[in-house]
Amino acid sequence: MQDRPDAQELLEAVREFISGELLPVIGDPRLRFRSLVASNLLQMLQRELALESALLRDEWQRLAVLLGRADAPPYDAIELTEGLRAGNETLCALIRAGEAPPGSLAEVTQAVRAKLEVANPRYLAAFDPV
């Protein structure tokens, strides 16, 4: 763990520089667009740092119930991510085989909502699953 500034503060400082100082003086439309993309990506990274741990653990719990597993989520972030990937691959295989467990649609919908919380929370307000 680092002292201040922490990762969130560093990301915010760079994003504020791009949005507040750089964008107002950029005349080239291509460079302006790329700078806006960079600013948006920094916001996405900030949300991911703030939300990812809780979102991944919530997904682990939902997936464990759906797949009938009782194992607790691993503490290690890499193991957690790999375990979720494997669980989602299992769920996908079951869905493709026509053997989707009850509640699969709700789980997939919630997983998409969680991804939108990080990627684009403004879109989430209009998200209306099928």
C-alpha atoms as a PDB file:
ATOM      1  CA  MET A   1       0.000   0.000   0.000  1.00  0.00           C
ATOM      2  CA  GLN A   2       1.273   3.415  -0.933  1.00  0.00           C
ATOM      3  CA  ASP A   3       1.001   6.651   1.003  1.00  0.00           C
ATOM      4  CA  ARG A   4      -0.912   9.570  -0.362  1.00  0.00           C
ATOM      5  CA  PRO A   5      -1.648  10.288  -3.063  1.00  0.00           C
ATOM      6  CA  ASP A   6      -3.385   6.952  -3.481  1.00  0.00           C
ATOM      7  CA  ALA A   7      -4.461   5.450  -6.807  1.00  0.00           C
ATOM      8  CA  GLN A   8      -7.890   7.152  -6.700  1.00  0.00           C
ATOM      9  CA  GLU A   9      -6.298  10.553  -6.079  1.00  0.00           C
ATOM     10  CA  LEU A  10      -3.754  10.072  -8.851  1.00  0.00           C
ATOM     11  CA  LEU A  11      -6.435   9.081 -11.344  1.00  0.00           C
ATOM     12  CA  GLU A  12      -8.550  12.071 -10.323  1.00  0.00           C
ATOM     13  CA  ALA A  13      -5.608  14.471 -10.697  1.00  0.00           C
ATOM     14  CA  VAL A  14      -4.861  13.245 -14.232  1.00  0.00           C
ATOM     15  CA  ARG A  15      -8.550  13.299 -15.180  1.00  0.00           C
ATOM     16  CA  GLU A  16      -8.935  16.851 -13.840  1.00  0.00           C
ATOM     17  CA  PHE A  17      -5.854  17.946 -15.792  1.00  0.00           C
ATOM     18  CA  ILE A  18      -7.216  16.495 -19.029  1.00  0.00           C
ATOM     19  CA  SER A  19     -10.764  17.800 -18.509  1.00  0.00           C
ATOM     20  CA  GLY A  20      -9.995  21.129 -16.909  1.00  0.00           C
ATOM     21  CA  GLU A  21      -6.753  22.287 -18.508  1.00  0.00           C
ATOM     22  CA  LEU A  22      -6.095  20.285 -21.652  1.00  0.00           C
ATOM     23  CA  LEU A  23      -9.515  19.919 -23.295  1.00  0.00           C
ATOM     24  CA  PRO A  24     -10.370  23.659 -23.244  1.00  0.00           C
ATOM     25  CA  VAL A  25      -7.296  24.488 -25.341  1.00  0.00           C
ATOM     26  CA  ILE A  26      -7.306  21.614 -27.813  1.00  0.00           C
ATOM     27  CA  GLY A  27      -8.316  22.722 -31.291  1.00  0.00           C
ATOM     28  CA  ASP A  28      -7.671  19.520 -33.197  1.00  0.00           C
ATOM     29  CA  PRO A  29     -10.978  17.537 -33.204  1.00  0.00           C
ATOM     30  CA  ARG A  30      -9.212  14.171 -33.344  1.00  0.00           C
ATOM     31  CA  LEU A  31      -6.966  14.986 -30.391  1.00  0.00           C
ATOM     32  CA  ARG A  32      -9.921  16.442 -28.487  1.00  0.00           C
ATOM     33  CA  PHE A  33     -11.928  13.242 -29.007  1.00  0.00           C
ATOM     34  CA  ARG A  34      -9.003  11.070 -27.900  1.00  0.00           C
ATOM     35  CA  SER A  35      -8.546  13.234 -24.808  1.00  0.00           C
ATOM     36  CA  LEU A  36     -12.243  12.871 -23.941  1.00  0.00           C
ATOM     37  CA  VAL A  37     -11.889   9.097 -24.298  1.00  0.00           C
ATOM     38  CA  ALA A  38      -8.854   9.169 -21.988  1.00  0.00           C
ATOM     39  CA  SER A  39     -10.772  11.204 -19.413  1.00  0.00           C
ATOM     40  CA  ASN A  40     -13.701   8.773 -19.563  1.00  0.00           C
ATOM     41  CA  LEU A  41     -11.354   5.797 -19.169  1.00  0.00           C
ATOM     42  CA  LEU A  42      -9.840   7.375 -16.077  1.00  0.00           C
ATOM     43  CA  GLN A  43     -13.332   7.772 -14.590  1.00  0.00           C
ATOM     44  CA  MET A  44     -14.021   4.134 -15.390  1.00  0.00           C
ATOM     45  CA  LEU A  45     -10.826   3.071 -13.622  1.00  0.00           C
ATOM     46  CA  GLN A  46     -11.806   5.132 -10.585  1.00  0.00           C
ATOM     47  CA  ARG A  47     -15.180   3.398 -10.410  1.00  0.00           C
ATOM     48  CA  GLU A  48     -13.548   0.013 -10.880  1.00  0.00           C
ATOM     49  CA  LEU A  49     -11.117   0.634  -8.024  1.00  0.00           C
ATOM     50  CA  ALA A  50     -13.955   1.777  -5.772  1.00  0.00           C
ATOM     51  CA  LEU A  51     -16.526  -0.905  -6.642  1.00  0.00           C
ATOM     52  CA  GLU A  52     -14.761  -3.953  -8.038  1.00  0.00           C
ATOM     53  CA  SER A  53     -14.074  -5.898  -4.847  1.00  0.00           C
ATOM     54  CA  ALA A  54     -17.674  -5.719  -3.625  1.00  0.00           C
ATOM     55  CA  LEU A  55     -19.120  -6.389  -7.083  1.00  0.00           C
ATOM     56  CA  LEU A  56     -16.919  -9.452  -7.601  1.00  0.00           C
ATOM     57  CA  ARG A  57     -17.765 -10.899  -4.184  1.00  0.00           C
ATOM     58  CA  ASP A  58     -21.485 -10.318  -4.806  1.00  0.00           C
ATOM     59  CA  GLU A  59     -21.203 -12.055  -8.180  1.00  0.00           C
ATOM     60  CA  TRP A  60     -19.362 -14.974  -6.538  1.00  0.00           C
ATOM     61  CA  GLN A  61     -22.204 -15.412  -4.025  1.00  0.00           C
ATOM     62  CA  ARG A  62     -24.927 -15.286  -6.690  1.00  0.00           C
ATOM     63  CA  LEU A  63     -23.051 -17.678  -8.972  1.00  0.00           C
ATOM     64  CA  ALA A  64     -22.353 -20.094  -6.108  1.00  0.00           C
ATOM     65  CA  VAL A  65     -26.066 -20.262  -5.279  1.00  0.00           C
ATOM     66  CA  LEU A  66     -26.976 -20.703  -8.936  1.00  0.00           C
ATOM     67  CA  LEU A  67     -24.432 -23.489  -9.497  1.00  0.00           C
ATOM     68  CA  GLY A  68     -25.061 -25.173  -6.134  1.00  0.00           C
ATOM     69  CA  ARG A  69     -21.595 -24.472  -4.754  1.00  0.00           C
ATOM     70  CA  ALA A  70     -20.852 -23.726  -1.117  1.00  0.00           C
ATOM     71  CA  ASP A  71     -17.280 -22.449  -1.397  1.00  0.00           C
ATOM     72  CA  ALA A  72     -16.503 -18.978  -0.061  1.00  0.00           C
ATOM     73  CA  PRO A  73     -14.947 -16.412  -2.368  1.00  0.00           C
ATOM     74  CA  PRO A  74     -11.141 -16.428  -2.311  1.00  0.00           C
ATOM     75  CA  TYR A  75      -9.444 -13.508  -0.599  1.00  0.00           C
ATOM     76  CA  ASP A  76      -6.899 -13.106  -3.379  1.00  0.00           C
ATOM     77  CA  ALA A  77      -8.231 -10.868  -6.185  1.00  0.00           C
ATOM     78  CA  ILE A  78      -6.600 -12.901  -8.955  1.00  0.00           C
ATOM     79  CA  GLU A  79      -8.009 -16.176  -7.617  1.00  0.00           C
ATOM     80  CA  LEU A  80     -11.416 -14.528  -7.232  1.00  0.00           C
ATOM     81  CA  THR A  81     -11.375 -13.289 -10.822  1.00  0.00           C
ATOM     82  CA  GLU A  82     -10.216 -16.668 -12.170  1.00  0.00           C
ATOM     83  CA  GLY A  83     -12.852 -18.478 -10.103  1.00  0.00           C
ATOM     84  CA  LEU A  84     -15.559 -16.181 -11.443  1.00  0.00           C
ATOM     85  CA  ARG A  85     -14.362 -16.742 -14.990  1.00  0.00           C
ATOM     86  CA  ALA A  86     -14.567 -20.509 -14.478  1.00  0.00           C
ATOM     87  CA  GLY A  87     -18.009 -20.242 -12.857  1.00  0.00           C
ATOM     88  CA  ASN A  88     -19.314 -18.090 -15.680  1.00  0.00           C
ATOM     89  CA  GLU A  89     -17.909 -20.532 -18.252  1.00  0.00           C
ATOM     90  CA  THR A  90     -19.772 -23.324 -16.455  1.00  0.00           C
ATOM     91  CA  LEU A  91     -22.980 -21.272 -16.480  1.00  0.00           C
ATOM     92  CA  CYS A  92     -22.539 -20.484 -20.186  1.00  0.00           C
ATOM     93  CA  ALA A  93     -22.025 -24.168 -20.981  1.00  0.00           C
ATOM     94  CA  LEU A  94     -25.206 -25.057 -19.078  1.00  0.00           C
ATOM     95  CA  ILE A  95     -27.169 -22.357 -20.903  1.00  0.00           C
ATOM     96  CA  ARG A  96     -25.850 -23.515 -24.309  1.00  0.00           C
ATOM     97  CA  ALA A  97     -26.794 -27.101 -23.459  1.00  0.00           C
ATOM     98  CA  GLY A  98     -30.338 -26.008 -22.626  1.00  0.00           C
ATOM     99  CA  GLU A  99     -29.802 -26.806 -18.954  1.00  0.00           C
ATOM    100  CA  ALA A 100     -29.806 -23.309 -17.497  1.00  0.00           C
ATOM    101  CA  PRO A 101     -30.390 -23.424 -13.748  1.00  0.00           C
ATOM    102  CA  PRO A 102     -33.455 -21.535 -12.497  1.00  0.00           C
ATOM    103  CA  GLY A 103     -32.477 -17.930 -11.921  1.00  0.00           C
ATOM    104  CA  SER A 104     -29.913 -17.804 -14.725  1.00  0.00           C
ATOM    105  CA  LEU A 105     -31.542 -14.861 -16.488  1.00  0.00           C
ATOM    106  CA  ALA A 106     -31.644 -12.871 -13.243  1.00  0.00           C
ATOM    107  CA  GLU A 107     -27.961 -13.658 -12.597  1.00  0.00           C
ATOM    108  CA  VAL A 108     -26.856 -12.674 -16.085  1.00  0.00           C
ATOM    109  CA  THR A 109     -28.931  -9.483 -15.856  1.00  0.00           C
ATOM    110  CA  GLN A 110     -27.371  -8.598 -12.501  1.00  0.00           C
ATOM    111  CA  ALA A 111     -23.884  -9.315 -13.852  1.00  0.00           C
ATOM    112  CA  VAL A 112     -24.516  -6.917 -16.756  1.00  0.00           C
ATOM    113  CA  ARG A 113     -25.850  -4.268 -14.350  1.00  0.00           C
ATOM    114  CA  ALA A 114     -22.685  -4.586 -12.239  1.00  0.00           C
ATOM    115  CA  LYS A 115     -20.505  -4.173 -15.325  1.00  0.00           C
ATOM    116  CA  LEU A 116     -22.467  -1.066 -16.307  1.00  0.00           C
ATOM    117  CA  GLU A 117     -21.978   0.407 -12.825  1.00  0.00           C
ATOM    118  CA  VAL A 118     -18.292   0.503 -13.670  1.00  0.00           C
ATOM    119  CA  ALA A 119     -18.317   1.073 -17.428  1.00  0.00           C
ATOM    120  CA  ASN A 120     -21.180   3.538 -17.880  1.00  0.00           C
ATOM    121  CA  PRO A 121     -23.496   4.274 -14.948  1.00  0.00           C
ATOM    122  CA  ARG A 122     -25.422   6.828 -17.048  1.00  0.00           C
ATOM    123  CA  TYR A 123     -26.511   4.021 -19.372  1.00  0.00           C
ATOM    124  CA  LEU A 124     -27.525   1.947 -16.373  1.00  0.00           C
ATOM    125  CA  ALA A 125     -30.361   4.362 -15.608  1.00  0.00           C
ATOM    126  CA  ALA A 126     -31.910   3.452 -18.978  1.00  0.00           C
ATOM    127  CA  PHE A 127     -30.983  -0.250 -18.832  1.00  0.00           C
ATOM    128  CA  ASP A 128     -34.119  -2.304 -19.343  1.00  0.00           C
ATOM    129  CA  PRO A 129     -33.316  -5.987 -19.837  1.00  0.00           C
ATOM    130  CA  VAL A 130     -35.466  -8.131 -22.056  1.00  0.00           C
END
